[in-house]
């Protein structure tokens, strides 16, 4: 992946957030992801990750020749040890104070579940941060090629691979040997019972 790919990769990430009804969950944590300012923030985030990336960090794109435009992308981060804490909320702008409080609560519960999952993963590991294919190019094997590249690297370098799966993506990861290590419905207090309940699955490919 190159610097010039970042705007298209940010657009791909947005499609992943908004495709198949996933905005109910991701929209709570990352409001405005689909707006121009949200796109710019995503480009800045990926630029920082790409500038810091070095082997064995993996930043990949999938193309359909002859066009070099990315139709799929994957960004991974190598971890020497399992994290014992995770970052809190970003500085996204929320429509109401209640929306922010809900997002902060949801992120906190998500982090608890993710940290439980990390305890079942052997370090060192590769964490899949983003893996997505444009809806118009799904079903052509691009996602599988990206996963196969990650798995091949993990086998060669003796790393586990871990992913916090988005809703509906579990069967794809399972097809390539990923196993579920954490499956949790994030609890909602009474004040937010009208909000959608979120199921979190953390999956691992063991070397």
N, C-alpha and C. Protein backbone atom coordinates (compact mmCIF):
# COMPACT_ATOMS: atom_id res chain seq x y z
N UNK A 1 0.84 -1.18 0.00
CA UNK A 1 0.00 0.00 0.00
C UNK A 1 0.89 1.25 0.00
N UNK A 2 0.47 2.27 -0.75
CA UNK A 2 1.25 3.50 -0.88
C UNK A 2 0.43 4.69 -0.37
N UNK A 3 1.12 5.82 -0.16
CA UNK A 3 0.46 7.03 0.29
C UNK A 3 -0.71 7.41 -0.62
N UNK A 4 -0.51 7.25 -1.93
CA UNK A 4 -1.56 7.64 -2.89
C UNK A 4 -2.82 6.79 -2.76
N UNK A 5 -2.72 5.63 -2.12
CA UNK A 5 -3.87 4.74 -1.96
C UNK A 5 -4.80 5.18 -0.83
N UNK A 6 -4.34 6.06 0.06
CA UNK A 6 -5.05 6.30 1.30
C UNK A 6 -6.47 6.85 1.12
N UNK A 7 -6.73 7.82 0.21
CA UNK A 7 -8.12 8.28 0.06
C UNK A 7 -9.07 7.16 -0.34
N UNK A 8 -8.62 6.28 -1.27
CA UNK A 8 -9.48 5.17 -1.68
C UNK A 8 -9.66 4.17 -0.54
N UNK A 9 -8.59 3.94 0.22
CA UNK A 9 -8.68 3.01 1.34
C UNK A 9 -9.63 3.55 2.41
N UNK A 10 -9.58 4.86 2.67
CA UNK A 10 -10.51 5.47 3.62
C UNK A 10 -11.94 5.30 3.15
N UNK A 11 -12.17 5.46 1.84
CA UNK A 11 -13.51 5.27 1.29
C UNK A 11 -13.97 3.82 1.45
N UNK A 12 -13.04 2.88 1.25
CA UNK A 12 -13.37 1.47 1.45
C UNK A 12 -13.77 1.21 2.90
N UNK A 13 -13.02 1.79 3.84
CA UNK A 13 -13.32 1.60 5.26
C UNK A 13 -14.71 2.15 5.59
N UNK A 14 -15.06 3.29 5.00
CA UNK A 14 -16.37 3.87 5.23
C UNK A 14 -17.47 2.94 4.72
N UNK A 15 -17.26 2.37 3.53
CA UNK A 15 -18.25 1.42 3.00
C UNK A 15 -18.43 0.24 3.95
N UNK A 16 -17.32 -0.20 4.56
CA UNK A 16 -17.41 -1.31 5.50
C UNK A 16 -18.23 -0.93 6.72
N UNK A 17 -18.08 0.32 7.18
CA UNK A 17 -18.82 0.78 8.34
C UNK A 17 -20.31 0.92 8.05
N UNK A 18 -20.66 1.28 6.84
CA UNK A 18 -22.06 1.58 6.52
C UNK A 18 -22.77 0.45 5.80
N UNK A 19 -22.06 -0.57 5.34
CA UNK A 19 -22.64 -1.64 4.55
C UNK A 19 -23.37 -2.63 5.46
N UNK A 20 -24.50 -3.15 5.00
CA UNK A 20 -25.25 -4.21 5.67
C UNK A 20 -25.68 -3.84 7.09
N UNK A 21 -26.04 -2.58 7.27
CA UNK A 21 -26.62 -2.19 8.55
C UNK A 21 -25.66 -2.09 9.70
N UNK A 22 -24.37 -2.03 9.45
CA UNK A 22 -23.41 -2.02 10.55
C UNK A 22 -23.32 -0.66 11.22
N UNK A 23 -23.97 0.36 10.66
CA UNK A 23 -23.85 1.70 11.24
C UNK A 23 -24.46 1.77 12.63
N UNK A 24 -25.42 0.90 12.97
CA UNK A 24 -26.01 0.96 14.30
C UNK A 24 -24.94 0.80 15.38
N UNK A 25 -23.96 -0.06 15.13
CA UNK A 25 -22.88 -0.28 16.09
C UNK A 25 -21.77 0.74 15.89
N UNK A 26 -21.20 0.76 14.69
CA UNK A 26 -20.05 1.63 14.45
C UNK A 26 -20.43 3.10 14.50
N UNK A 27 -21.65 3.42 14.06
CA UNK A 27 -22.09 4.80 14.11
C UNK A 27 -22.14 5.35 15.52
N UNK A 28 -22.38 4.45 16.50
CA UNK A 28 -22.40 4.89 17.89
C UNK A 28 -21.00 5.25 18.37
N UNK A 29 -20.00 4.50 17.90
CA UNK A 29 -18.63 4.75 18.34
C UNK A 29 -17.93 5.80 17.50
N UNK A 30 -18.24 5.83 16.21
CA UNK A 30 -17.53 6.72 15.28
C UNK A 30 -18.53 7.53 14.47
N UNK A 31 -19.24 8.45 15.10
CA UNK A 31 -20.25 9.22 14.36
C UNK A 31 -19.59 10.09 13.30
N UNK A 32 -20.27 10.23 12.18
CA UNK A 32 -19.75 11.08 11.12
C UNK A 32 -18.67 10.44 10.27
N UNK A 33 -18.48 9.13 10.42
CA UNK A 33 -17.43 8.44 9.65
C UNK A 33 -17.63 8.64 8.15
N UNK A 34 -18.90 8.72 7.72
CA UNK A 34 -19.19 8.80 6.29
C UNK A 34 -19.14 10.22 5.74
N UNK A 35 -18.95 11.24 6.59
CA UNK A 35 -18.94 12.63 6.15
C UNK A 35 -17.56 13.00 5.61
N UNK A 36 -17.45 14.11 4.86
CA UNK A 36 -16.13 14.53 4.38
C UNK A 36 -15.10 14.68 5.49
N UNK A 37 -15.50 15.29 6.63
CA UNK A 37 -14.55 15.44 7.72
C UNK A 37 -14.18 14.09 8.31
N UNK A 38 -15.14 13.16 8.35
CA UNK A 38 -14.85 11.82 8.81
C UNK A 38 -13.88 11.10 7.89
N UNK A 39 -14.06 11.31 6.59
CA UNK A 39 -13.13 10.73 5.62
C UNK A 39 -11.72 11.28 5.81
N UNK A 40 -11.62 12.59 6.02
CA UNK A 40 -10.31 13.21 6.22
C UNK A 40 -9.64 12.66 7.48
N UNK A 41 -10.43 12.47 8.54
CA UNK A 41 -9.87 11.92 9.78
C UNK A 41 -9.36 10.50 9.56
N UNK A 42 -10.09 9.72 8.75
CA UNK A 42 -9.67 8.35 8.47
C UNK A 42 -8.38 8.34 7.67
N UNK A 43 -8.27 9.25 6.68
CA UNK A 43 -7.03 9.34 5.90
C UNK A 43 -5.86 9.69 6.81
N UNK A 44 -6.05 10.63 7.73
CA UNK A 44 -4.96 11.00 8.66
C UNK A 44 -4.55 9.81 9.51
N UNK A 45 -5.54 9.07 10.00
CA UNK A 45 -5.24 7.90 10.83
C UNK A 45 -4.44 6.87 10.06
N UNK A 46 -4.87 6.56 8.83
CA UNK A 46 -4.17 5.56 8.03
C UNK A 46 -2.80 6.05 7.60
N UNK A 47 -2.67 7.35 7.35
CA UNK A 47 -1.36 7.88 6.97
C UNK A 47 -0.36 7.68 8.11
N UNK A 48 -0.79 7.96 9.33
CA UNK A 48 0.09 7.75 10.48
C UNK A 48 0.48 6.28 10.60
N UNK A 49 -0.50 5.39 10.42
CA UNK A 49 -0.20 3.96 10.53
C UNK A 49 0.74 3.52 9.42
N UNK A 50 0.53 4.02 8.22
CA UNK A 50 1.37 3.62 7.09
C UNK A 50 2.79 4.14 7.27
N UNK A 51 2.93 5.38 7.76
CA UNK A 51 4.26 5.95 7.97
C UNK A 51 5.03 5.19 9.05
N UNK A 52 4.30 4.66 10.03
CA UNK A 52 4.94 3.91 11.10
C UNK A 52 5.14 2.44 10.73
N UNK A 53 4.50 2.02 9.66
CA UNK A 53 4.50 0.59 9.32
C UNK A 53 5.87 0.16 8.84
N UNK A 54 6.26 -1.00 9.27
CA UNK A 54 7.48 -1.63 8.83
C UNK A 54 7.23 -3.13 8.93
N UNK A 55 7.93 -3.90 8.16
CA UNK A 55 7.77 -5.33 8.29
C UNK A 55 8.12 -5.73 9.73
N UNK A 56 7.23 -6.40 10.47
CA UNK A 56 6.13 -7.19 9.99
C UNK A 56 4.75 -6.55 10.06
N UNK A 57 4.60 -5.23 10.26
CA UNK A 57 3.28 -4.64 10.07
C UNK A 57 2.87 -4.87 8.62
N UNK A 58 1.59 -5.13 8.41
CA UNK A 58 1.12 -5.50 7.08
C UNK A 58 0.09 -4.48 6.62
N UNK A 59 0.36 -3.79 5.53
CA UNK A 59 -0.59 -2.88 4.89
C UNK A 59 -0.72 -3.31 3.44
N UNK A 60 -1.83 -3.90 3.10
CA UNK A 60 -2.01 -4.52 1.78
C UNK A 60 -3.20 -3.91 1.05
N UNK A 61 -3.14 -4.00 -0.27
CA UNK A 61 -4.29 -3.63 -1.09
C UNK A 61 -4.53 -4.73 -2.11
N UNK A 62 -5.80 -4.85 -2.51
CA UNK A 62 -6.18 -5.79 -3.56
C UNK A 62 -6.69 -4.98 -4.74
N UNK A 63 -6.20 -5.28 -5.93
CA UNK A 63 -6.59 -4.53 -7.12
C UNK A 63 -7.12 -5.51 -8.17
N UNK A 64 -7.85 -4.95 -9.11
CA UNK A 64 -8.32 -5.72 -10.27
C UNK A 64 -7.64 -5.09 -11.49
N UNK A 65 -6.60 -5.74 -11.97
CA UNK A 65 -5.85 -5.20 -13.10
C UNK A 65 -6.74 -5.09 -14.33
N UNK A 66 -6.49 -4.07 -15.20
CA UNK A 66 -5.29 -3.21 -15.24
C UNK A 66 -5.34 -1.99 -14.33
N UNK A 67 -6.48 -1.73 -13.67
CA UNK A 67 -6.56 -0.54 -12.83
C UNK A 67 -5.80 -0.76 -11.52
N UNK A 68 -5.00 0.23 -11.08
CA UNK A 68 -4.29 0.10 -9.80
C UNK A 68 -5.12 0.55 -8.60
N UNK A 69 -6.35 1.01 -8.86
CA UNK A 69 -7.17 1.52 -7.76
C UNK A 69 -7.54 0.39 -6.80
N UNK A 70 -7.34 0.59 -5.48
CA UNK A 70 -7.66 -0.47 -4.52
C UNK A 70 -9.14 -0.81 -4.51
N UNK A 71 -9.43 -2.10 -4.61
CA UNK A 71 -10.80 -2.59 -4.48
C UNK A 71 -10.98 -3.34 -3.16
N UNK A 72 -9.88 -3.55 -2.46
CA UNK A 72 -9.90 -4.18 -1.15
C UNK A 72 -8.66 -3.76 -0.40
N UNK A 73 -8.70 -3.83 0.92
CA UNK A 73 -7.53 -3.42 1.69
C UNK A 73 -7.48 -4.17 3.01
N UNK A 74 -6.28 -4.22 3.57
CA UNK A 74 -6.09 -4.84 4.86
C UNK A 74 -4.96 -4.11 5.59
N UNK A 75 -5.19 -3.75 6.84
CA UNK A 75 -4.17 -3.11 7.65
C UNK A 75 -4.06 -3.88 8.96
N UNK A 76 -2.84 -4.33 9.27
CA UNK A 76 -2.58 -5.11 10.47
C UNK A 76 -1.48 -4.44 11.29
N UNK A 77 -1.45 -4.77 12.57
CA UNK A 77 -0.43 -4.26 13.48
C UNK A 77 0.16 -5.44 14.24
N UNK A 78 1.46 -5.46 14.35
CA UNK A 78 2.14 -6.51 15.10
C UNK A 78 2.20 -6.13 16.58
N UNK A 79 1.93 -7.09 17.45
CA UNK A 79 2.00 -6.87 18.89
C UNK A 79 2.95 -7.91 19.50
N UNK A 80 3.92 -7.42 20.25
CA UNK A 80 4.86 -8.32 20.93
C UNK A 80 4.22 -9.03 22.10
N UNK A 81 3.29 -8.35 22.77
CA UNK A 81 2.58 -8.93 23.91
C UNK A 81 1.11 -8.56 23.81
N UNK A 82 0.28 -9.30 24.53
CA UNK A 82 -1.14 -8.97 24.56
C UNK A 82 -1.34 -7.69 25.36
N UNK A 83 -2.12 -6.73 24.86
CA UNK A 83 -2.33 -5.49 25.60
C UNK A 83 -3.06 -5.73 26.91
N UNK A 84 -2.77 -4.92 27.90
CA UNK A 84 -3.47 -4.99 29.18
C UNK A 84 -4.43 -3.82 29.36
N UNK A 85 -4.41 -2.88 28.42
CA UNK A 85 -5.36 -1.77 28.42
C UNK A 85 -5.58 -1.34 26.98
N UNK A 86 -6.69 -0.67 26.73
CA UNK A 86 -7.04 -0.21 25.39
C UNK A 86 -7.43 1.26 25.45
N UNK A 87 -7.25 2.00 24.35
CA UNK A 87 -7.57 3.43 24.38
C UNK A 87 -9.05 3.68 24.58
N UNK A 88 -9.35 4.85 25.13
CA UNK A 88 -10.73 5.23 25.34
C UNK A 88 -11.34 5.87 24.11
N UNK A 89 -12.24 6.81 24.31
CA UNK A 89 -12.97 7.39 23.20
C UNK A 89 -12.10 8.36 22.41
N UNK A 90 -12.40 8.48 21.12
CA UNK A 90 -11.76 9.46 20.27
C UNK A 90 -12.45 10.82 20.46
N UNK A 91 -12.04 11.78 19.68
CA UNK A 91 -12.60 13.13 19.80
C UNK A 91 -13.70 13.40 18.77
N UNK A 92 -14.40 12.36 18.35
CA UNK A 92 -15.51 12.57 17.42
C UNK A 92 -16.57 13.46 18.06
N UNK A 93 -17.25 14.22 17.22
CA UNK A 93 -18.32 15.09 17.69
C UNK A 93 -19.63 14.31 17.73
N UNK A 94 -20.32 14.37 18.86
CA UNK A 94 -21.58 13.64 19.03
C UNK A 94 -22.75 14.61 18.98
N UNK A 95 -23.89 14.12 18.52
CA UNK A 95 -25.06 14.99 18.37
C UNK A 95 -25.56 15.45 19.73
N UNK A 96 -25.53 14.58 20.73
CA UNK A 96 -26.01 14.92 22.07
C UNK A 96 -25.04 14.38 23.11
N UNK A 97 -25.16 14.90 24.32
CA UNK A 97 -24.35 14.39 25.42
C UNK A 97 -24.71 12.94 25.72
N UNK A 98 -25.97 12.60 25.57
CA UNK A 98 -26.39 11.20 25.80
C UNK A 98 -25.71 10.26 24.81
N UNK A 99 -25.60 10.70 23.54
CA UNK A 99 -24.92 9.88 22.55
C UNK A 99 -23.47 9.63 22.96
N UNK A 100 -22.79 10.66 23.45
CA UNK A 100 -21.40 10.49 23.88
C UNK A 100 -21.33 9.54 25.07
N UNK A 101 -22.20 9.71 26.05
CA UNK A 101 -22.18 8.83 27.21
C UNK A 101 -22.43 7.39 26.81
N UNK A 102 -23.36 7.18 25.90
CA UNK A 102 -23.64 5.83 25.42
C UNK A 102 -22.42 5.25 24.72
N UNK A 103 -21.78 6.04 23.86
CA UNK A 103 -20.60 5.57 23.14
C UNK A 103 -19.46 5.24 24.10
N UNK A 104 -19.27 6.08 25.12
CA UNK A 104 -18.23 5.82 26.10
C UNK A 104 -18.50 4.52 26.85
N UNK A 105 -19.77 4.31 27.21
CA UNK A 105 -20.13 3.07 27.91
C UNK A 105 -19.89 1.86 27.01
N UNK A 106 -20.36 1.97 25.76
CA UNK A 106 -20.23 0.86 24.82
C UNK A 106 -18.76 0.53 24.56
N UNK A 107 -17.93 1.56 24.40
CA UNK A 107 -16.51 1.33 24.17
C UNK A 107 -15.87 0.66 25.38
N UNK A 108 -16.28 1.07 26.58
CA UNK A 108 -15.73 0.45 27.78
C UNK A 108 -16.07 -1.02 27.88
N UNK A 109 -17.33 -1.38 27.59
CA UNK A 109 -17.74 -2.79 27.63
C UNK A 109 -17.06 -3.59 26.53
N UNK A 110 -16.91 -2.97 25.37
CA UNK A 110 -16.21 -3.63 24.26
C UNK A 110 -14.77 -3.92 24.66
N UNK A 111 -14.10 -2.95 25.27
CA UNK A 111 -12.71 -3.13 25.65
C UNK A 111 -12.55 -4.26 26.66
N UNK A 112 -13.49 -4.38 27.61
CA UNK A 112 -13.43 -5.48 28.58
C UNK A 112 -13.47 -6.83 27.87
N UNK A 113 -14.39 -6.96 26.91
CA UNK A 113 -14.51 -8.23 26.19
C UNK A 113 -13.27 -8.52 25.36
N UNK A 114 -12.73 -7.48 24.70
CA UNK A 114 -11.53 -7.66 23.88
C UNK A 114 -10.34 -8.08 24.74
N UNK A 115 -10.18 -7.47 25.90
CA UNK A 115 -9.06 -7.82 26.78
C UNK A 115 -9.18 -9.26 27.28
N UNK A 116 -10.42 -9.72 27.52
CA UNK A 116 -10.60 -11.13 27.88
C UNK A 116 -10.15 -12.03 26.74
N UNK A 117 -10.49 -11.64 25.53
CA UNK A 117 -10.08 -12.43 24.37
C UNK A 117 -8.58 -12.50 24.20
N UNK A 118 -7.91 -11.38 24.46
CA UNK A 118 -6.45 -11.34 24.30
C UNK A 118 -5.75 -12.36 25.20
N UNK A 119 -6.36 -12.68 26.33
CA UNK A 119 -5.74 -13.63 27.24
C UNK A 119 -5.68 -15.03 26.66
N UNK A 120 -6.39 -15.26 25.56
CA UNK A 120 -6.41 -16.58 24.94
C UNK A 120 -5.62 -16.61 23.63
N UNK A 121 -4.84 -15.56 23.38
CA UNK A 121 -4.04 -15.46 22.16
C UNK A 121 -2.57 -15.48 22.54
N UNK A 122 -1.79 -16.27 21.83
CA UNK A 122 -0.35 -16.33 22.09
C UNK A 122 0.37 -15.18 21.40
N UNK A 123 1.25 -14.56 22.12
CA UNK A 123 2.11 -13.53 21.54
C UNK A 123 3.41 -14.18 21.07
N UNK A 124 4.06 -13.54 20.06
CA UNK A 124 3.64 -12.33 19.35
C UNK A 124 2.46 -12.61 18.42
N UNK A 125 1.79 -11.55 18.04
CA UNK A 125 0.58 -11.69 17.23
C UNK A 125 0.47 -10.56 16.22
N UNK A 126 -0.35 -10.82 15.21
CA UNK A 126 -0.77 -9.80 14.25
C UNK A 126 -2.24 -9.51 14.51
N UNK A 127 -2.59 -8.24 14.70
CA UNK A 127 -4.00 -7.88 14.85
C UNK A 127 -4.50 -7.26 13.56
N UNK A 128 -5.55 -7.83 13.02
CA UNK A 128 -6.18 -7.30 11.81
C UNK A 128 -7.04 -6.11 12.22
N UNK A 129 -6.64 -4.92 11.82
CA UNK A 129 -7.37 -3.71 12.18
C UNK A 129 -8.48 -3.41 11.17
N UNK A 130 -8.18 -3.58 9.89
CA UNK A 130 -9.15 -3.34 8.81
C UNK A 130 -8.95 -4.40 7.74
N UNK A 131 -10.03 -5.04 7.33
CA UNK A 131 -9.99 -5.92 6.16
C UNK A 131 -11.35 -5.78 5.48
N UNK A 132 -11.34 -5.20 4.29
CA UNK A 132 -12.60 -4.95 3.62
C UNK A 132 -12.43 -4.98 2.10
N UNK A 133 -13.51 -5.30 1.42
CA UNK A 133 -13.56 -5.31 -0.04
C UNK A 133 -14.80 -4.53 -0.46
N UNK A 134 -14.67 -3.73 -1.50
CA UNK A 134 -15.82 -2.96 -1.99
C UNK A 134 -16.98 -3.91 -2.28
N UNK A 135 -18.19 -3.52 -1.92
CA UNK A 135 -19.34 -4.39 -2.19
C UNK A 135 -19.44 -4.83 -3.65
N UNK A 136 -19.05 -3.94 -4.59
CA UNK A 136 -19.13 -4.28 -6.01
C UNK A 136 -18.11 -5.35 -6.41
N UNK A 137 -17.10 -5.60 -5.57
CA UNK A 137 -16.07 -6.57 -5.90
C UNK A 137 -16.07 -7.77 -4.95
N UNK A 138 -17.05 -7.84 -4.08
CA UNK A 138 -17.14 -8.99 -3.21
C UNK A 138 -17.54 -10.22 -4.02
N UNK A 139 -17.12 -11.38 -3.55
CA UNK A 139 -17.41 -12.62 -4.26
C UNK A 139 -16.39 -12.97 -5.32
N UNK A 140 -15.33 -12.16 -5.45
CA UNK A 140 -14.29 -12.42 -6.45
C UNK A 140 -13.02 -13.00 -5.83
N UNK A 141 -13.04 -13.25 -4.53
CA UNK A 141 -11.90 -13.86 -3.88
C UNK A 141 -10.87 -12.89 -3.34
N UNK A 142 -11.15 -11.58 -3.41
CA UNK A 142 -10.16 -10.62 -2.94
C UNK A 142 -9.93 -10.70 -1.43
N UNK A 143 -11.02 -10.80 -0.68
CA UNK A 143 -10.88 -10.92 0.76
C UNK A 143 -10.09 -12.16 1.14
N UNK A 144 -10.35 -13.26 0.44
CA UNK A 144 -9.62 -14.48 0.70
C UNK A 144 -8.14 -14.34 0.40
N UNK A 145 -7.80 -13.64 -0.68
CA UNK A 145 -6.38 -13.44 -1.01
C UNK A 145 -5.68 -12.62 0.07
N UNK A 146 -6.37 -11.60 0.59
CA UNK A 146 -5.78 -10.80 1.66
C UNK A 146 -5.57 -11.65 2.92
N UNK A 147 -6.58 -12.45 3.27
CA UNK A 147 -6.45 -13.31 4.45
C UNK A 147 -5.34 -14.35 4.26
N UNK A 148 -5.26 -14.91 3.07
CA UNK A 148 -4.21 -15.91 2.81
C UNK A 148 -2.82 -15.29 2.94
N UNK A 149 -2.67 -14.04 2.52
CA UNK A 149 -1.38 -13.37 2.66
C UNK A 149 -1.02 -13.19 4.14
N UNK A 150 -2.01 -12.83 4.95
CA UNK A 150 -1.78 -12.67 6.38
C UNK A 150 -1.42 -14.01 7.02
N UNK A 151 -2.19 -15.04 6.70
CA UNK A 151 -1.96 -16.37 7.28
C UNK A 151 -0.59 -16.90 6.88
N UNK A 152 -0.22 -16.70 5.62
CA UNK A 152 1.08 -17.16 5.16
C UNK A 152 2.19 -16.49 5.95
N UNK A 153 2.06 -15.17 6.17
CA UNK A 153 3.08 -14.47 6.94
C UNK A 153 3.13 -15.00 8.37
N UNK A 154 1.96 -15.22 8.98
CA UNK A 154 1.90 -15.70 10.36
C UNK A 154 2.54 -17.07 10.50
N UNK A 155 2.27 -17.95 9.56
CA UNK A 155 2.88 -19.29 9.62
C UNK A 155 4.40 -19.21 9.49
N UNK A 156 4.85 -18.39 8.57
CA UNK A 156 6.29 -18.29 8.32
C UNK A 156 7.01 -17.66 9.50
N UNK A 157 6.35 -16.71 10.17
CA UNK A 157 7.00 -15.96 11.24
C UNK A 157 6.54 -16.35 12.64
N UNK A 158 5.72 -17.42 12.73
CA UNK A 158 5.29 -17.94 14.02
C UNK A 158 4.55 -16.89 14.86
N UNK A 159 3.48 -16.35 14.28
CA UNK A 159 2.60 -15.41 14.97
C UNK A 159 1.17 -15.94 14.92
N UNK A 160 0.39 -15.67 15.96
CA UNK A 160 -1.05 -15.82 15.87
C UNK A 160 -1.61 -14.59 15.15
N UNK A 161 -2.83 -14.71 14.62
CA UNK A 161 -3.53 -13.56 14.04
C UNK A 161 -4.86 -13.42 14.76
N UNK A 162 -5.22 -12.20 15.13
CA UNK A 162 -6.44 -11.97 15.88
C UNK A 162 -7.26 -10.88 15.21
N UNK A 163 -8.58 -11.00 15.31
CA UNK A 163 -9.47 -9.99 14.73
C UNK A 163 -10.71 -9.87 15.60
N UNK A 164 -11.15 -8.63 15.81
CA UNK A 164 -12.46 -8.40 16.41
C UNK A 164 -13.43 -8.32 15.24
N UNK A 165 -14.20 -9.38 15.05
CA UNK A 165 -14.99 -9.53 13.83
C UNK A 165 -16.18 -8.59 13.82
N UNK A 166 -16.47 -8.04 12.64
CA UNK A 166 -17.67 -7.22 12.47
C UNK A 166 -18.85 -8.15 12.21
N UNK A 167 -20.08 -7.71 12.54
CA UNK A 167 -21.25 -8.58 12.35
C UNK A 167 -21.35 -9.11 10.93
N UNK A 168 -21.54 -10.40 10.83
CA UNK A 168 -21.71 -11.03 9.52
C UNK A 168 -20.44 -11.54 8.88
N UNK A 169 -19.27 -11.16 9.42
CA UNK A 169 -18.00 -11.56 8.81
C UNK A 169 -17.44 -12.85 9.39
N UNK A 170 -18.03 -13.36 10.47
CA UNK A 170 -17.48 -14.53 11.15
C UNK A 170 -17.31 -15.74 10.23
N UNK A 171 -18.30 -16.06 9.36
CA UNK A 171 -18.13 -17.24 8.50
C UNK A 171 -16.93 -17.15 7.57
N UNK A 172 -16.59 -15.93 7.14
CA UNK A 172 -15.43 -15.76 6.25
C UNK A 172 -14.15 -16.11 7.00
N UNK A 173 -14.00 -15.57 8.20
CA UNK A 173 -12.80 -15.88 8.99
C UNK A 173 -12.75 -17.36 9.36
N UNK A 174 -13.90 -17.93 9.71
CA UNK A 174 -13.94 -19.35 10.09
C UNK A 174 -13.49 -20.23 8.92
N UNK A 175 -13.84 -19.85 7.72
CA UNK A 175 -13.44 -20.61 6.54
C UNK A 175 -11.93 -20.72 6.42
N UNK A 176 -11.21 -19.72 6.92
CA UNK A 176 -9.76 -19.70 6.83
C UNK A 176 -9.08 -20.13 8.13
N UNK A 177 -9.83 -20.78 9.00
CA UNK A 177 -9.23 -21.38 10.18
C UNK A 177 -9.25 -20.56 11.45
N UNK A 178 -9.94 -19.42 11.44
CA UNK A 178 -10.06 -18.63 12.66
C UNK A 178 -11.09 -19.25 13.60
N UNK A 179 -10.78 -19.26 14.90
CA UNK A 179 -11.66 -19.80 15.91
C UNK A 179 -12.10 -18.68 16.86
N UNK A 180 -13.34 -18.77 17.32
CA UNK A 180 -13.86 -17.76 18.24
C UNK A 180 -13.31 -18.00 19.64
N UNK A 181 -12.71 -16.94 20.25
CA UNK A 181 -12.20 -17.05 21.61
C UNK A 181 -12.99 -16.17 22.58
N UNK A 182 -13.79 -15.26 22.07
CA UNK A 182 -14.64 -14.43 22.91
C UNK A 182 -15.93 -14.13 22.15
N UNK A 183 -17.05 -14.42 22.78
CA UNK A 183 -18.37 -14.20 22.17
C UNK A 183 -19.26 -13.60 23.24
N UNK A 184 -19.50 -12.31 23.18
CA UNK A 184 -20.18 -11.63 24.27
C UNK A 184 -21.23 -10.66 23.73
N UNK A 185 -22.40 -10.68 24.36
CA UNK A 185 -23.37 -9.62 24.15
C UNK A 185 -23.07 -8.51 25.15
N UNK A 186 -22.78 -7.33 24.65
CA UNK A 186 -22.43 -6.23 25.54
C UNK A 186 -23.67 -5.80 26.32
N UNK A 187 -23.59 -5.83 27.65
CA UNK A 187 -24.78 -5.51 28.46
C UNK A 187 -25.18 -4.05 28.34
N UNK A 188 -26.48 -3.82 28.35
CA UNK A 188 -26.99 -2.44 28.30
C UNK A 188 -27.79 -2.15 29.56
N UNK A 189 -27.48 -1.07 30.28
CA UNK A 189 -28.29 -0.69 31.43
C UNK A 189 -29.67 -0.23 30.97
N UNK A 190 -30.56 -0.10 31.92
CA UNK A 190 -31.96 0.18 31.60
C UNK A 190 -32.13 1.45 30.78
N UNK A 191 -31.29 2.47 31.05
CA UNK A 191 -31.47 3.76 30.37
C UNK A 191 -31.22 3.65 28.87
N UNK A 192 -30.53 2.60 28.43
CA UNK A 192 -30.22 2.44 27.02
C UNK A 192 -30.83 1.17 26.43
N UNK A 193 -31.88 0.67 27.05
CA UNK A 193 -32.50 -0.55 26.54
C UNK A 193 -33.13 -0.34 25.17
N UNK A 194 -33.41 0.90 24.81
CA UNK A 194 -33.99 1.17 23.49
C UNK A 194 -32.93 1.14 22.39
N UNK A 195 -31.65 1.08 22.75
CA UNK A 195 -30.57 1.04 21.77
C UNK A 195 -30.34 -0.41 21.31
N UNK A 196 -29.77 -0.59 20.12
CA UNK A 196 -29.49 -1.96 19.65
C UNK A 196 -28.46 -2.64 20.53
N UNK A 197 -28.70 -3.90 20.88
CA UNK A 197 -27.71 -4.66 21.63
C UNK A 197 -26.62 -5.14 20.68
N UNK A 198 -25.39 -5.16 21.16
CA UNK A 198 -24.24 -5.44 20.32
C UNK A 198 -23.61 -6.77 20.72
N UNK A 199 -23.37 -7.61 19.73
CA UNK A 199 -22.66 -8.87 19.94
C UNK A 199 -21.23 -8.71 19.43
N UNK A 200 -20.25 -9.02 20.28
CA UNK A 200 -18.85 -8.92 19.91
C UNK A 200 -18.24 -10.31 19.83
N UNK A 201 -17.56 -10.57 18.72
CA UNK A 201 -16.84 -11.83 18.57
C UNK A 201 -15.37 -11.52 18.29
N UNK A 202 -14.49 -12.16 19.04
CA UNK A 202 -13.06 -12.06 18.81
C UNK A 202 -12.59 -13.41 18.33
N UNK A 203 -11.86 -13.42 17.20
CA UNK A 203 -11.45 -14.68 16.57
C UNK A 203 -9.94 -14.71 16.39
N UNK A 204 -9.38 -15.94 16.43
CA UNK A 204 -7.92 -16.06 16.34
C UNK A 204 -7.56 -17.19 15.39
N UNK A 205 -6.51 -16.94 14.62
CA UNK A 205 -5.86 -17.99 13.81
C UNK A 205 -4.59 -18.37 14.56
N UNK A 206 -4.49 -19.63 14.96
CA UNK A 206 -3.35 -20.08 15.74
C UNK A 206 -2.28 -20.66 14.82
N UNK A 207 -1.07 -20.21 15.00
CA UNK A 207 0.04 -20.65 14.17
C UNK A 207 0.34 -22.14 14.36
